[in-house]
C-alpha atoms as a PDB file:
ATOM      1  CA  MET A   1      28.591-118.253 -31.717  1.00  0.00           C
ATOM      2  CA  GLY A   2      30.866-120.129 -34.117  1.00  0.00           C
ATOM      3  CA  ALA A   3      28.145-122.538 -35.220  1.00  0.00           C
ATOM      4  CA  ILE A   4      25.717-119.698 -35.841  1.00  0.00           C
ATOM      5  CA  PHE A   5      28.388-117.816 -37.793  1.00  0.00           C
ATOM      6  CA  LYS A   6      29.122-120.859 -39.983  1.00  0.00           C
ATOM      7  CA  ARG A   7      25.438-121.537 -40.642  1.00  0.00           C
ATOM      8  CA  GLU A   8      24.657-117.928 -41.556  1.00  0.00           C
ATOM      9  CA  PHE A   9      27.794-117.458 -43.648  1.00  0.00           C
ATOM     10  CA  LYS A  10      27.084-120.658 -45.555  1.00  0.00           C
ATOM     11  CA  SER A  11      23.476-119.598 -46.110  1.00  0.00           C
ATOM     12  CA  TYR A  12      24.660-116.480 -47.921  1.00  0.00           C
ATOM     13  CA  PHE A  13      26.369-118.619 -50.528  1.00  0.00           C
ATOM     14  CA  THR A  14      23.830-121.426 -50.804  1.00  0.00           C
ATOM     15  CA  SER A  15      21.366-118.817 -51.996  1.00  0.00           C
ATOM     16  CA  PRO A  16      22.200-116.405 -54.810  1.00  0.00           C
ATOM     17  CA  ILE A  17      22.106-113.335 -52.553  1.00  0.00           C
ATOM     18  CA  GLY A  18      25.763-113.520 -51.495  1.00  0.00           C
ATOM     19  CA  PHE A  19      27.011-113.994 -55.031  1.00  0.00           C
ATOM     20  CA  ALA A  20      24.740-111.250 -56.362  1.00  0.00           C
ATOM     21  CA  ILE A  21      25.992-108.753 -53.811  1.00  0.00           C
ATOM     22  CA  LEU A  22      29.619-109.602 -54.547  1.00  0.00           C
ATOM     23  CA  VAL A  23      29.191-109.437 -58.328  1.00  0.00           C
ATOM     24  CA  ILE A  24      27.264-106.169 -58.308  1.00  0.00           C
ATOM     25  CA  THR A  25      29.703-104.536 -55.903  1.00  0.00           C
ATOM     26  CA  TYR A  26      32.739-105.747 -57.849  1.00  0.00           C
ATOM     27  CA  LEU A  27      31.352-104.595 -61.185  1.00  0.00           C
ATOM     28  CA  ILE A  28      30.340-101.124 -60.067  1.00  0.00           C
ATOM     29  CA  SER A  29      33.449-100.492 -57.973  1.00  0.00           C
ATOM     30  CA  GLY A  30      35.561-101.784 -60.872  1.00  0.00           C
ATOM     31  CA  PHE A  31      33.907 -99.266 -63.161  1.00  0.00           C
ATOM     32  CA  PHE A  32      34.636 -96.402 -60.769  1.00  0.00           C
ATOM     33  CA  PHE A  33      38.192 -97.665 -60.291  1.00  0.00           C
ATOM     34  CA  PHE A  34      38.673 -97.681 -64.055  1.00  0.00           C
ATOM     35  CA  MET A  35      37.420 -94.113 -64.235  1.00  0.00           C
ATOM     36  CA  ASP A  36      39.819 -92.970 -61.483  1.00  0.00           C
ATOM     37  CA  PHE A  37      42.750 -94.954 -62.832  1.00  0.00           C
ATOM     38  CA  SER A  38      42.307 -93.686 -66.376  1.00  0.00           C
ATOM     39  CA  ASN A  39      42.448 -90.127 -64.993  1.00  0.00           C
ATOM     40  CA  GLY A  40      45.759 -90.936 -63.268  1.00  0.00           C
ATOM     41  CA  SER A  41      44.575 -90.204 -59.748  1.00  0.00           C
ATOM     42  CA  PRO A  42      46.658 -91.895 -57.011  1.00  0.00           C
ATOM     43  CA  GLU A  43      43.722 -91.667 -54.658  1.00  0.00           C
ATOM     44  CA  MET A  44      40.436 -93.308 -55.389  1.00  0.00           C
ATOM     45  CA  PRO A  45      37.862 -90.669 -54.438  1.00  0.00           C
ATOM     46  CA  ASN A  46      35.140 -91.964 -56.738  1.00  0.00           C
ATOM     47  CA  VAL A  47      35.560 -95.552 -55.554  1.00  0.00           C
ATOM     48  CA  PHE A  48      35.219 -94.624 -51.886  1.00  0.00           C
ATOM     49  CA  SER A  49      32.384 -92.201 -52.605  1.00  0.00           C
ATOM     50  CA  PHE A  50      30.624 -95.053 -54.328  1.00  0.00           C
ATOM     51  CA  MET A  51      31.349 -97.412 -51.447  1.00  0.00           C
ATOM     52  CA  PHE A  52      29.696 -95.105 -48.946  1.00  0.00           C
ATOM     53  CA  ILE A  53      26.626 -94.882 -51.163  1.00  0.00           C
ATOM     54  CA  ILE A  54      26.486 -98.617 -51.909  1.00  0.00           C
ATOM     55  CA  ILE A  55      26.707 -99.411 -48.194  1.00  0.00           C
ATOM     56  CA  LEU A  56      23.271 -97.872 -47.848  1.00  0.00           C
ATOM     57  CA  ILE A  57      21.978-100.501 -50.275  1.00  0.00           C
ATOM     58  CA  ILE A  58      24.100-103.559 -49.431  1.00  0.00           C
ATOM     59  CA  VAL A  59      23.846-103.583 -45.650  1.00  0.00           C
ATOM     60  CA  PRO A  60      20.030-103.720 -45.486  1.00  0.00           C
ATOM     61  CA  ILE A  61      20.005-106.507 -48.070  1.00  0.00           C
ATOM     62  CA  LEU A  62      22.511-108.481 -46.001  1.00  0.00           C
ATOM     63  CA  THR A  63      20.922-107.910 -42.619  1.00  0.00           C
ATOM     64  CA  MET A  64      17.174-107.953 -43.193  1.00  0.00           C
ATOM     65  CA  ARG A  65      17.142-111.626 -43.963  1.00  0.00           C
ATOM     66  CA  LEU A  66      19.003-112.705 -40.814  1.00  0.00           C
ATOM     67  CA  PHE A  67      16.103-112.965 -38.389  1.00  0.00           C
ATOM     68  CA  SER A  68      13.269-112.987 -40.945  1.00  0.00           C
ATOM     69  CA  GLU A  69      14.602-116.197 -42.490  1.00  0.00           C
ATOM     70  CA  ASP A  70      14.574-117.846 -39.060  1.00  0.00           C
ATOM     71  CA  LYS A  71      10.988-116.731 -38.514  1.00  0.00           C
ATOM     72  CA  ARG A  72       9.932-118.013 -41.923  1.00  0.00           C
ATOM     73  CA  GLN A  73      11.503-121.423 -41.356  1.00  0.00           C
ATOM     74  CA  LYS A  74      10.303-121.452 -37.729  1.00  0.00           C
ATOM     75  CA  THR A  75      13.815-122.057 -36.442  1.00  0.00           C
ATOM     76  CA  ASP A  76      13.745-118.919 -34.308  1.00  0.00           C
ATOM     77  CA  GLN A  77      11.973-120.792 -31.505  1.00  0.00           C
ATOM     78  CA  LEU A  78      14.610-123.494 -31.591  1.00  0.00           C
ATOM     79  CA  LEU A  79      17.398-120.944 -31.684  1.00  0.00           C
ATOM     80  CA  LEU A  80      16.041-118.833 -28.825  1.00  0.00           C
ATOM     81  CA  THR A  81      15.346-121.843 -26.566  1.00  0.00           C
ATOM     82  CA  ALA A  82      18.767-123.402 -27.169  1.00  0.00           C
ATOM     83  CA  PRO A  83      21.321-123.118 -24.355  1.00  0.00           C
ATOM     84  CA  VAL A  84      23.026-120.232 -26.140  1.00  0.00           C
ATOM     85  CA  LYS A  85      23.080-116.652 -24.983  1.00  0.00           C
ATOM     86  CA  LEU A  86      21.167-114.166 -27.076  1.00  0.00           C
ATOM     87  CA  THR A  87      24.348-112.122 -27.353  1.00  0.00           C
ATOM     88  CA  SER A  88      26.099-115.046 -29.030  1.00  0.00           C
ATOM     89  CA  VAL A  89      23.240-115.437 -31.487  1.00  0.00           C
ATOM     90  CA  VAL A  90      23.291-111.762 -32.427  1.00  0.00           C
ATOM     91  CA  LEU A  91      27.086-111.602 -32.675  1.00  0.00           C
ATOM     92  CA  GLY A  92      27.236-114.756 -34.806  1.00  0.00           C
ATOM     93  CA  LYS A  93      24.719-113.310 -37.242  1.00  0.00           C
ATOM     94  CA  PHE A  94      26.457-109.916 -37.205  1.00  0.00           C
ATOM     95  CA  PHE A  95      29.892-111.334 -37.962  1.00  0.00           C
ATOM     96  CA  ALA A  96      28.500-113.490 -40.783  1.00  0.00           C
ATOM     97  CA  ALA A  97      26.908-110.468 -42.447  1.00  0.00           C
ATOM     98  CA  PHE A  98      29.980-108.330 -41.760  1.00  0.00           C
ATOM     99  CA  SER A  99      32.326-110.896 -43.311  1.00  0.00           C
ATOM    100  CA  VAL A 100      30.278-110.943 -46.529  1.00  0.00           C
ATOM    101  CA  PHE A 101      30.313-107.143 -46.461  1.00  0.00           C
ATOM    102  CA  ALA A 102      34.091-107.166 -45.925  1.00  0.00           C
ATOM    103  CA  MET A 103      34.503-109.498 -48.901  1.00  0.00           C
ATOM    104  CA  ALA A 104      32.482-107.099 -51.032  1.00  0.00           C
ATOM    105  CA  THR A 105      34.394-103.990 -49.995  1.00  0.00           C
ATOM    106  CA  GLY A 106      37.815-105.619 -49.652  1.00  0.00           C
ATOM    107  CA  ILE A 107      38.321-105.533 -53.403  1.00  0.00           C
ATOM    108  CA  VAL A 108      39.507-101.937 -53.084  1.00  0.00           C
ATOM    109  CA  LEU A 109      42.693-103.272 -51.490  1.00  0.00           C
ATOM    110  CA  VAL A 110      43.447-105.074 -54.758  1.00  0.00           C
ATOM    111  CA  TYR A 111      42.734-101.851 -56.638  1.00  0.00           C
ATOM    112  CA  GLN A 112      45.163 -99.927 -54.446  1.00  0.00           C
ATOM    113  CA  ILE A 113      47.885-102.532 -54.977  1.00  0.00           C
ATOM    114  CA  LEU A 114      47.396-102.165 -58.736  1.00  0.00           C
ATOM    115  CA  VAL A 115      47.714 -98.395 -58.414  1.00  0.00           C
ATOM    116  CA  ALA A 116      50.896 -98.820 -56.342  1.00  0.00           C
ATOM    117  CA  PHE A 117      52.622-100.509 -59.287  1.00  0.00           C
ATOM    118  CA  TYR A 118      52.388 -97.298 -61.311  1.00  0.00           C
ATOM    119  CA  ILE A 119      52.444 -94.422 -58.849  1.00  0.00           C
ATOM    120  CA  SER A 120      53.158 -93.862 -55.193  1.00  0.00           C
ATOM    121  CA  PRO A 121      49.800 -93.524 -53.420  1.00  0.00           C
ATOM    122  CA  ASP A 122      49.224 -92.130 -49.949  1.00  0.00           C
ATOM    123  CA  TRP A 123      48.651 -95.329 -47.975  1.00  0.00           C
ATOM    124  CA  MET A 124      47.467 -93.598 -44.806  1.00  0.00           C
ATOM    125  CA  VAL A 125      44.622 -91.904 -46.674  1.00  0.00           C
ATOM    126  CA  PHE A 126      43.712 -95.210 -48.256  1.00  0.00           C
ATOM    127  CA  PHE A 127      43.684 -97.158 -44.984  1.00  0.00           C
ATOM    128  CA  GLY A 128      41.758 -94.359 -43.290  1.00  0.00           C
ATOM    129  CA  ASN A 129      39.115 -94.538 -46.018  1.00  0.00           C
ATOM    130  CA  LEU A 130      39.043 -98.326 -45.826  1.00  0.00           C
ATOM    131  CA  LEU A 131      38.681 -98.285 -42.050  1.00  0.00           C
ATOM    132  CA  GLY A 132      35.911 -95.708 -42.345  1.00  0.00           C
ATOM    133  CA  THR A 133      34.134 -97.890 -44.889  1.00  0.00           C
ATOM    134  CA  PHE A 134      34.315-100.944 -42.622  1.00  0.00           C
ATOM    135  CA  LEU A 135      33.191 -99.008 -39.557  1.00  0.00           C
ATOM    136  CA  PHE A 136      30.332 -97.383 -41.453  1.00  0.00           C
ATOM    137  CA  GLY A 137      29.215-100.772 -42.767  1.00  0.00           C
ATOM    138  CA  GLY A 138      29.503-102.347 -39.328  1.00  0.00           C
ATOM    139  CA  ALA A 139      27.418 -99.623 -37.751  1.00  0.00           C
END
């Protein structure tokens, strides 16, 4: 599972898809953070609303290429006949995609730390929203 994870994770950043997803997510979430922060809101409702909408776009982009790229390069036969369980193959690919997704959505933690310098936010609401975002993206 570890070798499959490393190969898939590295493939996200040898092609421009990983960088494009990170840049687009950071730019748009940064815009919504700026809008919330300029209004003085200690919670980030627009940022998390955006994250739930952007998950519907990001997750298919991250996951559709996992098995289709193996079919295109004809490495799926090699992968499925290797002495590795199918569960390990699927979990390795899942965790690679989920780690890129976590990198894209983890920027909101930096936003919340910036907010905490100026006002006292409700951390339980923030971590509940963050956990919900990760679970929704993982599903």
